[in-house]
């Protein structure tokens, strides 16, 4: 049932938005977890020690097959893996020269999915140089790519996860050029905080040629109303844009999609809301 915006404001702590799914379906989640900051933060809701139990509760309840995280510090990535359980693994490291700092790890259910290979690159003129910056972004931006084979169905697909720059439109568009080169060679799923809304130059560059499609738009069923995904620890607003995205190639069918307003004990897991989708990869296709 589609929930109206006013129905999304109450706390929902016992019923998953999606929850575990059965093959051939895959449950995909993208979440900017909000990096852990040292020292004083400017919002009372912000400290990681305050939010960590809510993140654990969210992930244990939803049990996605694949999660693309953004802004994850190493200890936060470890906490997410522990919350998901022993079956889960992740790939990806921090954006710094030695793998330090925030990252965009991809978590996956290793009992369901076999990791074929993975890679991490800088979104810059020097993609093999860790920590490199280009195109106007002051913070290094990265992309993590993982190729999987579904142990239950035999299908293969690629997941690409990233976090685009919030300040530089030029950086976002140049990053899209790099991302498009990583998807489209077989079934692919892109997750990320793109820091851009529907109709923006960034999303037009990503979607307008039809090679990729917004999972929200493509979904046969929408589980929630459309609200701004950067909620800032407040009730989500339908007037604000979706800046967190799940994007798929046309050979990935989207059964349902939703934006999760989960709170645990009145606490928001992050200043961003998770976006979730249930997808099925077309049989007989392989990721290049």
C-alpha atoms as a PDB file:
ATOM      1  CA  UNK A   1       0.000   0.000   0.000  1.00  0.00           C
ATOM      2  CA  UNK A   2       1.299   3.427  -0.921  1.00  0.00           C
ATOM      3  CA  UNK A   3       1.672   5.573   2.180  1.00  0.00           C
ATOM      4  CA  UNK A   4       0.801   9.242   1.968  1.00  0.00           C
ATOM      5  CA  UNK A   5       3.412  11.754   3.221  1.00  0.00           C
ATOM      6  CA  UNK A   6       1.458  12.309   6.426  1.00  0.00           C
ATOM      7  CA  UNK A   7       1.462   8.550   7.035  1.00  0.00           C
ATOM      8  CA  UNK A   8       5.257   8.497   6.904  1.00  0.00           C
ATOM      9  CA  UNK A   9       5.690  10.635   9.990  1.00  0.00           C
ATOM     10  CA  UNK A  10       4.946   8.066  12.655  1.00  0.00           C
ATOM     11  CA  UNK A  11       7.551   5.703  14.032  1.00  0.00           C
ATOM     12  CA  UNK A  12       7.634   2.296  12.386  1.00  0.00           C
ATOM     13  CA  UNK A  13       9.960  -0.010  14.284  1.00  0.00           C
ATOM     14  CA  UNK A  14       8.499  -3.512  13.935  1.00  0.00           C
ATOM     15  CA  UNK A  15       7.318  -3.894  10.337  1.00  0.00           C
ATOM     16  CA  UNK A  16       9.960  -3.832   7.587  1.00  0.00           C
ATOM     17  CA  UNK A  17       9.432  -1.712   4.532  1.00  0.00           C
ATOM     18  CA  UNK A  18      10.743  -4.590   2.387  1.00  0.00           C
ATOM     19  CA  UNK A  19      12.497  -7.178   4.542  1.00  0.00           C
ATOM     20  CA  UNK A  20      14.100 -10.406   3.322  1.00  0.00           C
ATOM     21  CA  UNK A  21      13.169 -11.513  -0.205  1.00  0.00           C
ATOM     22  CA  UNK A  22      13.157 -14.856  -1.982  1.00  0.00           C
ATOM     23  CA  UNK A  23      15.044 -15.582  -5.225  1.00  0.00           C
ATOM     24  CA  UNK A  24      15.037 -14.515  -7.949  1.00  0.00           C
ATOM     25  CA  UNK A  25      14.300 -11.168  -6.254  1.00  0.00           C
ATOM     26  CA  UNK A  26      17.132  -9.025  -4.888  1.00  0.00           C
ATOM     27  CA  UNK A  27      16.608  -6.411  -2.172  1.00  0.00           C
ATOM     28  CA  UNK A  28      18.773  -3.359  -2.884  1.00  0.00           C
ATOM     29  CA  UNK A  29      19.360  -0.503  -0.426  1.00  0.00           C
ATOM     30  CA  UNK A  30      21.322   2.736  -0.672  1.00  0.00           C
ATOM     31  CA  UNK A  31      22.085   4.737   2.478  1.00  0.00           C
ATOM     32  CA  UNK A  32      24.285   7.703   3.269  1.00  0.00           C
ATOM     33  CA  UNK A  33      25.104   6.660   6.817  1.00  0.00           C
ATOM     34  CA  UNK A  34      26.450  10.098   7.821  1.00  0.00           C
ATOM     35  CA  UNK A  35      30.115   9.889   8.694  1.00  0.00           C
ATOM     36  CA  UNK A  36      31.198   9.740  12.296  1.00  0.00           C
ATOM     37  CA  UNK A  37      32.657  13.098  13.317  1.00  0.00           C
ATOM     38  CA  UNK A  38      35.135  13.646  16.123  1.00  0.00           C
ATOM     39  CA  UNK A  39      34.389  16.390  18.621  1.00  0.00           C
ATOM     40  CA  UNK A  40      31.273  18.544  18.793  1.00  0.00           C
ATOM     41  CA  UNK A  41      28.680  18.261  16.036  1.00  0.00           C
ATOM     42  CA  UNK A  42      26.135  20.883  15.198  1.00  0.00           C
ATOM     43  CA  UNK A  43      23.030  18.719  15.662  1.00  0.00           C
ATOM     44  CA  UNK A  44      22.031  16.850  18.809  1.00  0.00           C
ATOM     45  CA  UNK A  45      20.815  13.952  16.643  1.00  0.00           C
ATOM     46  CA  UNK A  46      24.185  13.609  14.905  1.00  0.00           C
ATOM     47  CA  UNK A  47      26.631  11.697  17.165  1.00  0.00           C
ATOM     48  CA  UNK A  48      27.334   8.198  15.894  1.00  0.00           C
ATOM     49  CA  UNK A  49      27.039   6.668  19.364  1.00  0.00           C
ATOM     50  CA  UNK A  50      23.473   8.008  19.436  1.00  0.00           C
ATOM     51  CA  UNK A  51      22.563   6.702  15.970  1.00  0.00           C
ATOM     52  CA  UNK A  52      24.388   3.360  15.864  1.00  0.00           C
ATOM     53  CA  UNK A  53      21.599   1.372  17.603  1.00  0.00           C
ATOM     54  CA  UNK A  54      19.092   2.733  15.078  1.00  0.00           C
ATOM     55  CA  UNK A  55      21.323   1.707  12.163  1.00  0.00           C
ATOM     56  CA  UNK A  56      21.640  -1.794  13.639  1.00  0.00           C
ATOM     57  CA  UNK A  57      17.882  -2.072  14.102  1.00  0.00           C
ATOM     58  CA  UNK A  58      17.193  -0.866  10.564  1.00  0.00           C
ATOM     59  CA  UNK A  59      19.573  -3.337   8.917  1.00  0.00           C
ATOM     60  CA  UNK A  60      18.574  -6.320  11.045  1.00  0.00           C
ATOM     61  CA  UNK A  61      14.947  -5.664  10.170  1.00  0.00           C
ATOM     62  CA  UNK A  62      15.369  -5.053   6.449  1.00  0.00           C
ATOM     63  CA  UNK A  63      18.117  -7.627   5.635  1.00  0.00           C
ATOM     64  CA  UNK A  64      18.838  -6.302   2.125  1.00  0.00           C
ATOM     65  CA  UNK A  65      20.718  -8.521  -0.290  1.00  0.00           C
ATOM     66  CA  UNK A  66      22.978  -5.625  -1.304  1.00  0.00           C
ATOM     67  CA  UNK A  67      23.627  -2.327   0.481  1.00  0.00           C
ATOM     68  CA  UNK A  68      25.520   0.609  -1.013  1.00  0.00           C
ATOM     69  CA  UNK A  69      26.715   2.873   1.810  1.00  0.00           C
ATOM     70  CA  UNK A  70      28.112   6.368   1.538  1.00  0.00           C
ATOM     71  CA  UNK A  71      30.215   8.335   4.066  1.00  0.00           C
ATOM     72  CA  UNK A  72      31.088   5.176   5.989  1.00  0.00           C
ATOM     73  CA  UNK A  73      34.131   5.501   8.230  1.00  0.00           C
ATOM     74  CA  UNK A  74      36.000   2.212   8.865  1.00  0.00           C
ATOM     75  CA  UNK A  75      34.440   1.628  12.284  1.00  0.00           C
ATOM     76  CA  UNK A  76      30.991   2.351  10.878  1.00  0.00           C
ATOM     77  CA  UNK A  77      31.534  -0.195   8.092  1.00  0.00           C
ATOM     78  CA  UNK A  78      32.501  -2.770  10.713  1.00  0.00           C
ATOM     79  CA  UNK A  79      29.364  -1.951  12.715  1.00  0.00           C
ATOM     80  CA  UNK A  80      27.179  -2.393   9.631  1.00  0.00           C
ATOM     81  CA  UNK A  81      28.703  -5.770   8.854  1.00  0.00           C
ATOM     82  CA  UNK A  82      28.102  -6.892  12.437  1.00  0.00           C
ATOM     83  CA  UNK A  83      24.506  -5.691  12.268  1.00  0.00           C
ATOM     84  CA  UNK A  84      23.800  -7.527   9.016  1.00  0.00           C
ATOM     85  CA  UNK A  85      25.164 -10.804  10.343  1.00  0.00           C
ATOM     86  CA  UNK A  86      27.796 -13.434   9.674  1.00  0.00           C
ATOM     87  CA  UNK A  87      26.604 -14.128   6.120  1.00  0.00           C
ATOM     88  CA  UNK A  88      27.510 -10.637   4.907  1.00  0.00           C
ATOM     89  CA  UNK A  89      30.754  -9.326   3.478  1.00  0.00           C
ATOM     90  CA  UNK A  90      31.767  -5.953   2.051  1.00  0.00           C
ATOM     91  CA  UNK A  91      34.211  -4.453  -0.406  1.00  0.00           C
ATOM     92  CA  UNK A  92      35.529  -0.899  -0.491  1.00  0.00           C
ATOM     93  CA  UNK A  93      37.848   1.255   1.577  1.00  0.00           C
ATOM     94  CA  UNK A  94      38.224   4.903   2.514  1.00  0.00           C
ATOM     95  CA  UNK A  95      38.882   7.605  -0.067  1.00  0.00           C
ATOM     96  CA  UNK A  96      42.311   8.581   1.301  1.00  0.00           C
ATOM     97  CA  UNK A  97      45.674   7.624  -0.171  1.00  0.00           C
ATOM     98  CA  UNK A  98      46.034   4.749   2.293  1.00  0.00           C
ATOM     99  CA  UNK A  99      42.375   3.779   2.362  1.00  0.00           C
ATOM    100  CA  UNK A 100      41.588   6.043   5.295  1.00  0.00           C
ATOM    101  CA  UNK A 101      38.599   8.326   5.654  1.00  0.00           C
ATOM    102  CA  UNK A 102      35.029   7.876   4.524  1.00  0.00           C
ATOM    103  CA  UNK A 103      34.204   5.257   1.944  1.00  0.00           C
ATOM    104  CA  UNK A 104      31.445   3.881  -0.276  1.00  0.00           C
ATOM    105  CA  UNK A 105      31.508   0.163   0.603  1.00  0.00           C
ATOM    106  CA  UNK A 106      29.179  -2.365  -0.974  1.00  0.00           C
ATOM    107  CA  UNK A 107      27.781  -4.938   1.464  1.00  0.00           C
ATOM    108  CA  UNK A 108      26.303  -8.199   0.212  1.00  0.00           C
ATOM    109  CA  UNK A 109      24.826 -11.469   1.407  1.00  0.00           C
ATOM    110  CA  UNK A 110      27.663 -13.853   0.581  1.00  0.00           C
ATOM    111  CA  UNK A 111      25.451 -16.910   1.028  1.00  0.00           C
ATOM    112  CA  UNK A 112      23.263 -15.646  -1.812  1.00  0.00           C
ATOM    113  CA  UNK A 113      25.857 -13.857  -3.967  1.00  0.00           C
ATOM    114  CA  UNK A 114      29.308 -14.888  -5.126  1.00  0.00           C
ATOM    115  CA  UNK A 115      31.726 -11.980  -5.492  1.00  0.00           C
ATOM    116  CA  UNK A 116      33.407 -12.360  -8.903  1.00  0.00           C
ATOM    117  CA  UNK A 117      35.633  -9.287  -8.634  1.00  0.00           C
ATOM    118  CA  UNK A 118      35.612  -5.697  -7.438  1.00  0.00           C
ATOM    119  CA  UNK A 119      37.406  -2.419  -7.892  1.00  0.00           C
ATOM    120  CA  UNK A 120      37.644   1.038  -6.368  1.00  0.00           C
ATOM    121  CA  UNK A 121      38.599   4.106  -8.377  1.00  0.00           C
ATOM    122  CA  UNK A 122      38.893   7.827  -7.798  1.00  0.00           C
ATOM    123  CA  UNK A 123      36.422  10.040  -9.632  1.00  0.00           C
ATOM    124  CA  UNK A 124      39.139  12.255 -11.053  1.00  0.00           C
ATOM    125  CA  UNK A 125      41.476  12.660 -14.000  1.00  0.00           C
ATOM    126  CA  UNK A 126      43.667  10.067 -12.267  1.00  0.00           C
ATOM    127  CA  UNK A 127      41.281   7.237 -11.309  1.00  0.00           C
ATOM    128  CA  UNK A 128      44.065   4.862 -10.232  1.00  0.00           C
ATOM    129  CA  UNK A 129      45.548   7.440  -7.846  1.00  0.00           C
ATOM    130  CA  UNK A 130      43.895   7.045  -4.451  1.00  0.00           C
ATOM    131  CA  UNK A 131      42.973  10.350  -2.870  1.00  0.00           C
ATOM    132  CA  UNK A 132      43.172  12.288  -6.146  1.00  0.00           C
ATOM    133  CA  UNK A 133      40.803  15.183  -6.807  1.00  0.00           C
ATOM    134  CA  UNK A 134      39.663  16.875 -10.006  1.00  0.00           C
ATOM    135  CA  UNK A 135      36.797  18.822 -11.526  1.00  0.00           C
ATOM    136  CA  UNK A 136      36.275  21.197  -8.597  1.00  0.00           C
ATOM    137  CA  UNK A 137      35.618  18.845  -5.690  1.00  0.00           C
ATOM    138  CA  UNK A 138      37.586  19.619  -2.538  1.00  0.00           C
ATOM    139  CA  UNK A 139      37.036  16.150  -1.055  1.00  0.00           C
ATOM    140  CA  UNK A 140      38.209  13.033  -2.928  1.00  0.00           C
ATOM    141  CA  UNK A 141      35.299  11.238  -4.582  1.00  0.00           C
ATOM    142  CA  UNK A 142      35.316   7.513  -5.285  1.00  0.00           C
ATOM    143  CA  UNK A 143      33.321   4.777  -6.935  1.00  0.00           C
ATOM    144  CA  UNK A 144      33.232   1.109  -5.908  1.00  0.00           C
ATOM    145  CA  UNK A 145      32.275  -1.522  -8.465  1.00  0.00           C
ATOM    146  CA  UNK A 146      31.447  -5.156  -7.618  1.00  0.00           C
ATOM    147  CA  UNK A 147      30.487  -7.980  -9.958  1.00  0.00           C
ATOM    148  CA  UNK A 148      28.351 -10.779  -8.580  1.00  0.00           C
ATOM    149  CA  UNK A 149      26.943 -14.131  -9.576  1.00  0.00           C
ATOM    150  CA  UNK A 150      23.676 -15.133  -7.945  1.00  0.00           C
ATOM    151  CA  UNK A 151      24.245 -18.564  -6.404  1.00  0.00           C
ATOM    152  CA  UNK A 152      20.513 -19.319  -6.560  1.00  0.00           C
ATOM    153  CA  UNK A 153      19.728 -18.266 -10.141  1.00  0.00           C
ATOM    154  CA  UNK A 154      23.091 -18.226 -11.908  1.00  0.00           C
ATOM    155  CA  UNK A 155      22.554 -14.694 -13.194  1.00  0.00           C
ATOM    156  CA  UNK A 156      25.399 -12.179 -13.099  1.00  0.00           C
ATOM    157  CA  UNK A 157      25.201  -8.459 -12.512  1.00  0.00           C
ATOM    158  CA  UNK A 158      27.252  -5.423 -11.516  1.00  0.00           C
ATOM    159  CA  UNK A 159      26.708  -3.037  -8.604  1.00  0.00           C
ATOM    160  CA  UNK A 160      28.250   0.446  -8.704  1.00  0.00           C
ATOM    161  CA  UNK A 161      28.171   2.634  -5.582  1.00  0.00           C
ATOM    162  CA  UNK A 162      29.255   6.261  -5.235  1.00  0.00           C
ATOM    163  CA  UNK A 163      28.817   9.611  -3.511  1.00  0.00           C
ATOM    164  CA  UNK A 164      28.988  12.670  -5.748  1.00  0.00           C
ATOM    165  CA  UNK A 165      30.215  16.079  -4.689  1.00  0.00           C
ATOM    166  CA  UNK A 166      27.609  18.341  -3.020  1.00  0.00           C
ATOM    167  CA  UNK A 167      29.228  21.633  -4.021  1.00  0.00           C
ATOM    168  CA  UNK A 168      30.507  21.330  -7.593  1.00  0.00           C
ATOM    169  CA  UNK A 169      27.983  20.779 -10.418  1.00  0.00           C
ATOM    170  CA  UNK A 170      30.920  20.347 -12.796  1.00  0.00           C
ATOM    171  CA  UNK A 171      32.325  17.560 -10.653  1.00  0.00           C
ATOM    172  CA  UNK A 172      28.965  15.775 -10.577  1.00  0.00           C
ATOM    173  CA  UNK A 173      28.541  15.867 -14.348  1.00  0.00           C
ATOM    174  CA  UNK A 174      32.131  14.785 -15.021  1.00  0.00           C
ATOM    175  CA  UNK A 175      31.645  11.981 -12.495  1.00  0.00           C
ATOM    176  CA  UNK A 176      28.540  10.833 -14.361  1.00  0.00           C
ATOM    177  CA  UNK A 177      30.663  10.443 -17.499  1.00  0.00           C
ATOM    178  CA  UNK A 178      32.920   8.064 -15.570  1.00  0.00           C
ATOM    179  CA  UNK A 179      30.002   6.185 -14.003  1.00  0.00           C
ATOM    180  CA  UNK A 180      28.297   5.587 -17.323  1.00  0.00           C
ATOM    181  CA  UNK A 181      31.418   3.830 -18.556  1.00  0.00           C
ATOM    182  CA  UNK A 182      31.103   1.369 -15.667  1.00  0.00           C
ATOM    183  CA  UNK A 183      27.484   0.337 -16.218  1.00  0.00           C
ATOM    184  CA  UNK A 184      25.495  -0.844 -19.158  1.00  0.00           C
ATOM    185  CA  UNK A 185      27.705  -3.835 -20.077  1.00  0.00           C
ATOM    186  CA  UNK A 186      25.209  -6.370 -18.838  1.00  0.00           C
ATOM    187  CA  UNK A 187      22.717  -5.983 -15.978  1.00  0.00           C
ATOM    188  CA  UNK A 188      23.856  -3.196 -13.652  1.00  0.00           C
ATOM    189  CA  UNK A 189      22.600  -1.416 -10.545  1.00  0.00           C
ATOM    190  CA  UNK A 190      23.916   1.998  -9.506  1.00  0.00           C
ATOM    191  CA  UNK A 191      23.410   3.138  -5.923  1.00  0.00           C
ATOM    192  CA  UNK A 192      24.474   6.403  -4.403  1.00  0.00           C
ATOM    193  CA  UNK A 193      24.032   9.813  -2.914  1.00  0.00           C
ATOM    194  CA  UNK A 194      24.198  11.819  -6.127  1.00  0.00           C
ATOM    195  CA  UNK A 195      23.551  15.176  -4.438  1.00  0.00           C
ATOM    196  CA  UNK A 196      21.213  16.021  -7.307  1.00  0.00           C
ATOM    197  CA  UNK A 197      17.477  15.825  -7.773  1.00  0.00           C
ATOM    198  CA  UNK A 198      15.205  14.734 -10.572  1.00  0.00           C
ATOM    199  CA  UNK A 199      15.515  17.015 -13.591  1.00  0.00           C
ATOM    200  CA  UNK A 200      18.951  18.296 -12.563  1.00  0.00           C
ATOM    201  CA  UNK A 201      21.779  18.509 -15.056  1.00  0.00           C
ATOM    202  CA  UNK A 202      23.429  15.569 -13.289  1.00  0.00           C
ATOM    203  CA  UNK A 203      20.406  13.300 -13.627  1.00  0.00           C
ATOM    204  CA  UNK A 204      19.761  14.353 -17.193  1.00  0.00           C
ATOM    205  CA  UNK A 205      23.339  13.404 -18.059  1.00  0.00           C
ATOM    206  CA  UNK A 206      22.834  10.054 -16.342  1.00  0.00           C
ATOM    207  CA  UNK A 207      19.392   9.074 -17.614  1.00  0.00           C
ATOM    208  CA  UNK A 208      18.381  10.959 -20.732  1.00  0.00           C
ATOM    209  CA  UNK A 209      19.665   8.533 -23.369  1.00  0.00           C
ATOM    210  CA  UNK A 210      17.596   5.677 -21.935  1.00  0.00           C
ATOM    211  CA  UNK A 211      20.512   3.385 -21.170  1.00  0.00           C
ATOM    212  CA  UNK A 212      19.778   3.722 -17.463  1.00  0.00           C
ATOM    213  CA  UNK A 213      16.515   4.256 -15.609  1.00  0.00           C
ATOM    214  CA  UNK A 214      15.473   5.516 -12.220  1.00  0.00           C
ATOM    215  CA  UNK A 215      14.300   2.533 -10.160  1.00  0.00           C
ATOM    216  CA  UNK A 216      11.647   4.706  -8.509  1.00  0.00           C
ATOM    217  CA  UNK A 217      10.105   5.635 -11.850  1.00  0.00           C
ATOM    218  CA  UNK A 218      10.482   2.126 -13.271  1.00  0.00           C
ATOM    219  CA  UNK A 219       8.970   0.351 -10.247  1.00  0.00           C
ATOM    220  CA  UNK A 220       5.779  -1.606 -10.831  1.00  0.00           C
ATOM    221  CA  UNK A 221       4.771  -0.655  -7.281  1.00  0.00           C
ATOM    222  CA  UNK A 222       5.829   2.199  -5.013  1.00  0.00           C
ATOM    223  CA  UNK A 223       5.760   1.369  -1.336  1.00  0.00           C
ATOM    224  CA  UNK A 224       5.801   4.967  -0.079  1.00  0.00           C
ATOM    225  CA  UNK A 225       5.210   8.503  -1.185  1.00  0.00           C
ATOM    226  CA  UNK A 226       8.071  10.405  -2.810  1.00  0.00           C
ATOM    227  CA  UNK A 227       9.849  12.568  -0.237  1.00  0.00           C
ATOM    228  CA  UNK A 228      13.178  14.309   0.088  1.00  0.00           C
ATOM    229  CA  UNK A 229      15.823  11.766   1.037  1.00  0.00           C
ATOM    230  CA  UNK A 230      18.054  14.306   2.803  1.00  0.00           C
ATOM    231  CA  UNK A 231      15.704  14.764   5.743  1.00  0.00           C
ATOM    232  CA  UNK A 232      18.238  16.129   8.232  1.00  0.00           C
ATOM    233  CA  UNK A 233      16.822  14.126  11.181  1.00  0.00           C
ATOM    234  CA  UNK A 234      13.390  15.637  10.620  1.00  0.00           C
ATOM    235  CA  UNK A 235      10.086  14.432   9.249  1.00  0.00           C
ATOM    236  CA  UNK A 236      10.514  13.854   5.499  1.00  0.00           C
ATOM    237  CA  UNK A 237       8.986  16.427   3.185  1.00  0.00           C
ATOM    238  CA  UNK A 238       7.364  15.701  -0.206  1.00  0.00           C
ATOM    239  CA  UNK A 239       8.435  19.132  -1.432  1.00  0.00           C
ATOM    240  CA  UNK A 240      12.134  18.240  -1.188  1.00  0.00           C
ATOM    241  CA  UNK A 241      14.032  16.281  -3.868  1.00  0.00           C
ATOM    242  CA  UNK A 242      15.263  12.743  -3.891  1.00  0.00           C
ATOM    243  CA  UNK A 243      19.043  13.006  -3.971  1.00  0.00           C
ATOM    244  CA  UNK A 244      19.742   9.363  -3.061  1.00  0.00           C
ATOM    245  CA  UNK A 245      19.200   7.061  -6.003  1.00  0.00           C
ATOM    246  CA  UNK A 246      18.952   3.505  -7.228  1.00  0.00           C
ATOM    247  CA  UNK A 247      19.442   3.419 -10.996  1.00  0.00           C
ATOM    248  CA  UNK A 248      19.245   0.278 -13.140  1.00  0.00           C
ATOM    249  CA  UNK A 249      19.821  -0.893 -16.690  1.00  0.00           C
ATOM    250  CA  UNK A 250      16.697  -1.899 -18.639  1.00  0.00           C
ATOM    251  CA  UNK A 251      17.482  -5.613 -18.147  1.00  0.00           C
ATOM    252  CA  UNK A 252      16.914  -5.214 -14.402  1.00  0.00           C
ATOM    253  CA  UNK A 253      13.192  -5.327 -13.621  1.00  0.00           C
ATOM    254  CA  UNK A 254      12.039  -3.253 -10.638  1.00  0.00           C
ATOM    255  CA  UNK A 255       9.134  -4.803  -8.757  1.00  0.00           C
ATOM    256  CA  UNK A 256       8.890  -2.189  -6.009  1.00  0.00           C
ATOM    257  CA  UNK A 257      10.666   0.822  -4.537  1.00  0.00           C
ATOM    258  CA  UNK A 258      10.318   2.915  -1.401  1.00  0.00           C
ATOM    259  CA  UNK A 259      11.914   5.531   0.844  1.00  0.00           C
ATOM    260  CA  UNK A 260      12.257   4.330   4.414  1.00  0.00           C
ATOM    261  CA  UNK A 261      11.331   6.657   7.279  1.00  0.00           C
ATOM    262  CA  UNK A 262      12.430   4.152   9.938  1.00  0.00           C
ATOM    263  CA  UNK A 263      13.215   5.358  13.453  1.00  0.00           C
ATOM    264  CA  UNK A 264      14.280   3.326  16.467  1.00  0.00           C
ATOM    265  CA  UNK A 265      13.323   4.622  19.882  1.00  0.00           C
ATOM    266  CA  UNK A 266      12.607   7.964  18.249  1.00  0.00           C
ATOM    267  CA  UNK A 267      16.123   8.106  16.746  1.00  0.00           C
ATOM    268  CA  UNK A 268      16.830   8.504  13.029  1.00  0.00           C
ATOM    269  CA  UNK A 269      19.640   6.233  11.733  1.00  0.00           C
ATOM    270  CA  UNK A 270      21.049   9.043   9.567  1.00  0.00           C
ATOM    271  CA  UNK A 271      20.345  12.487   8.202  1.00  0.00           C
ATOM    272  CA  UNK A 272      19.524  10.698   4.933  1.00  0.00           C
ATOM    273  CA  UNK A 273      16.687   8.222   4.425  1.00  0.00           C
ATOM    274  CA  UNK A 274      17.388   4.797   2.945  1.00  0.00           C
ATOM    275  CA  UNK A 275      16.073   4.149  -0.555  1.00  0.00           C
ATOM    276  CA  UNK A 276      15.154   0.524  -1.228  1.00  0.00           C
ATOM    277  CA  UNK A 277      14.070  -1.503  -4.234  1.00  0.00           C
ATOM    278  CA  UNK A 278      13.202  -5.081  -5.066  1.00  0.00           C
ATOM    279  CA  UNK A 279      14.653  -6.049  -8.430  1.00  0.00           C
ATOM    280  CA  UNK A 280      15.086  -9.091 -10.637  1.00  0.00           C
ATOM    281  CA  UNK A 281      17.964  -9.547 -13.070  1.00  0.00           C
ATOM    282  CA  UNK A 282      16.961 -10.816 -16.505  1.00  0.00           C
ATOM    283  CA  UNK A 283      17.817 -14.488 -16.914  1.00  0.00           C
ATOM    284  CA  UNK A 284      20.532 -15.485 -19.316  1.00  0.00           C
ATOM    285  CA  UNK A 285      22.417 -12.187 -19.129  1.00  0.00           C
ATOM    286  CA  UNK A 286      25.921 -11.697 -17.787  1.00  0.00           C
ATOM    287  CA  UNK A 287      27.814  -8.708 -16.500  1.00  0.00           C
ATOM    288  CA  UNK A 288      30.882  -7.942 -18.593  1.00  0.00           C
END
